[in-house]
Structures are given as C-alpha cells and as structure tokens.
Amino acid sequence: MYAVIFTAKIGELDDEYSRLAARMRQLALEEYGCTQFTSCSEGDQEIAISYWPSLEQIQAWKQNSEHLAAQALGRNKWYKSYKVEIVEILREYDSNSR
C-alpha cells in the first residue's frame, strides 16, 4: 500500500477550486483505484493524503488529462507552492488493533 501526501501553501481559492477538487477526488476513487482520500486546510496550508494499492495506479492517475489540467490550474492560480511525496506504508495499526 502507498500514500501520496500533497502539501501546499494556498494563494487564493474560489468556487472553481471547490468544484474541481471534488471532481478530482471522485475520479481518483472511482476510476483509478484510490482507496481513501482525505484533505484539510488551515490558514494558508493544505494537506491531502490519498491511499493506493500500487505505484502503477498512482502513475496512471498522475497522467489523467483532467488531473493534468487541474495540476496546471493549481500551479498557476491557487497555490503559492506545493510538494508531493509518495511513501510506502510498511505497517498500519489503529485503536482497534491489538
């Protein structure tokens, strides 16, 4: 299992951003195998973490034409800066684990 961690310094968000973010989440989950997608923002910081079964699915998602257009808008319109990290999950546990 892999996680994609997206962090950004927000410039200014608008209604178009909200619509597009919802569409990107839907597309990742329904068509590219993403198993979970969580995001939040506070002040001028945003973080989104998505979970994926394989690196191939992440790569396919990265190359989706709608996602490429959204990335360009993010760079040119909404974000002052951003970083993407792809990490492999080596171990997982939660409050129900023993």
Protein backbone atom coordinates (compact mmCIF):
# COMPACT_ATOMS: atom_id res chain seq x y z
CA MET A 1 0.00 0.00 0.00
CA TYR A 2 1.19 3.51 -0.83
CA ALA A 3 0.21 7.01 0.23
CA VAL A 4 0.50 10.21 -1.76
CA ILE A 5 0.97 13.20 0.52
CA PHE A 6 0.24 16.56 -1.10
CA THR A 7 1.04 19.69 0.89
CA ALA A 8 0.55 23.22 -0.39
CA LYS A 9 0.75 26.83 0.59
CA ILE A 10 -2.55 28.30 -0.56
CA GLY A 11 -2.77 31.51 -2.54
CA GLU A 12 -6.46 32.11 -3.02
CA LEU A 13 -9.18 29.51 -3.53
CA ASP A 14 -12.51 30.05 -5.26
CA ASP A 15 -15.67 28.16 -6.23
CA GLU A 16 -13.95 26.66 -9.28
CA TYR A 17 -11.34 25.15 -6.97
CA SER A 18 -14.02 23.55 -4.77
CA ARG A 19 -15.79 22.00 -7.77
CA LEU A 20 -12.58 20.76 -9.31
CA ALA A 21 -11.25 19.32 -6.03
CA ALA A 22 -14.48 17.33 -5.60
CA ARG A 23 -14.21 16.05 -9.17
CA MET A 24 -10.57 15.00 -8.72
CA ARG A 25 -11.42 13.12 -5.53
CA GLN A 26 -14.31 11.33 -7.28
CA LEU A 27 -12.16 10.43 -10.28
CA ALA A 28 -9.30 9.07 -8.14
CA LEU A 29 -11.65 6.93 -6.04
CA GLU A 30 -13.95 5.67 -8.78
CA GLU A 31 -11.65 5.21 -11.76
CA TYR A 32 -8.05 4.87 -10.59
CA GLY A 33 -8.16 2.58 -7.56
CA CYS A 34 -7.59 5.11 -4.81
CA THR A 35 -8.92 3.52 -1.61
CA GLN A 36 -9.14 6.62 0.58
CA PHE A 37 -8.72 10.37 0.02
CA THR A 38 -8.61 12.83 2.90
CA SER A 39 -7.82 16.53 2.84
CA CYS A 40 -7.98 19.56 5.08
CA SER A 41 -6.74 23.11 5.23
CA GLU A 42 -5.92 25.55 7.98
CA GLY A 43 -4.94 29.12 7.32
CA ASP A 44 -2.84 29.10 4.17
CA GLN A 45 -1.81 25.44 4.46
CA GLU A 46 -3.46 22.46 2.79
CA ILE A 47 -2.72 18.75 3.10
CA ALA A 48 -4.27 15.88 1.16
CA ILE A 49 -3.42 12.23 1.66
CA SER A 50 -4.59 9.55 -0.72
CA TYR A 51 -4.02 5.80 -0.42
CA TRP A 52 -3.27 3.48 -3.33
CA PRO A 53 -2.66 -0.26 -3.82
CA SER A 54 0.13 0.21 -6.40
CA LEU A 55 2.62 2.64 -7.87
CA GLU A 56 1.17 1.91 -11.31
CA GLN A 57 -2.23 3.24 -10.23
CA ILE A 58 -0.59 6.39 -8.86
CA GLN A 59 1.25 6.89 -12.14
CA ALA A 60 -1.91 6.37 -14.21
CA TRP A 61 -3.73 8.90 -12.01
CA LYS A 62 -0.90 11.40 -12.38
CA GLN A 63 -1.20 11.19 -16.19
CA ASN A 64 -5.01 11.56 -16.39
CA SER A 65 -5.83 14.51 -18.68
CA GLU A 66 -8.33 16.08 -16.25
CA HIS A 67 -5.82 15.74 -13.43
CA LEU A 68 -3.06 17.30 -15.56
CA ALA A 69 -5.32 20.29 -16.26
CA ALA A 70 -6.15 20.59 -12.55
CA GLN A 71 -2.44 20.48 -11.70
CA ALA A 72 -1.78 23.35 -14.10
CA LEU A 73 -4.54 25.43 -12.54
CA GLY A 74 -3.16 24.68 -9.10
CA ARG A 75 0.32 25.85 -10.09
CA ASN A 76 -0.87 28.95 -11.92
CA LYS A 77 -3.91 30.04 -9.92
CA TRP A 78 -4.44 28.59 -6.45
CA TYR A 79 -1.15 27.56 -4.86
CA LYS A 80 1.91 29.60 -3.96
CA SER A 81 3.89 26.38 -3.63
CA TYR A 82 3.31 22.65 -3.21
CA LYS A 83 5.09 19.37 -2.56
CA VAL A 84 4.13 15.78 -3.36
CA GLU A 85 5.57 12.80 -1.52
CA ILE A 86 4.88 9.16 -2.36
CA VAL A 87 5.53 6.79 0.51
CA GLU A 88 5.18 3.07 1.04
CA ILE A 89 3.19 2.06 4.10
CA LEU A 90 5.23 -0.51 5.96
CA ARG A 91 2.95 -1.00 8.92
CA GLU A 92 -0.51 0.10 9.94
CA TYR A 93 -2.46 -0.11 13.17
CA ASP A 94 -5.35 1.70 14.81
CA SER A 95 -7.28 1.89 18.08
CA ASN A 96 -8.96 -1.46 17.33
CA SER A 97 -5.67 -3.28 16.78
CA ARG A 98 -4.18 -5.47 19.49
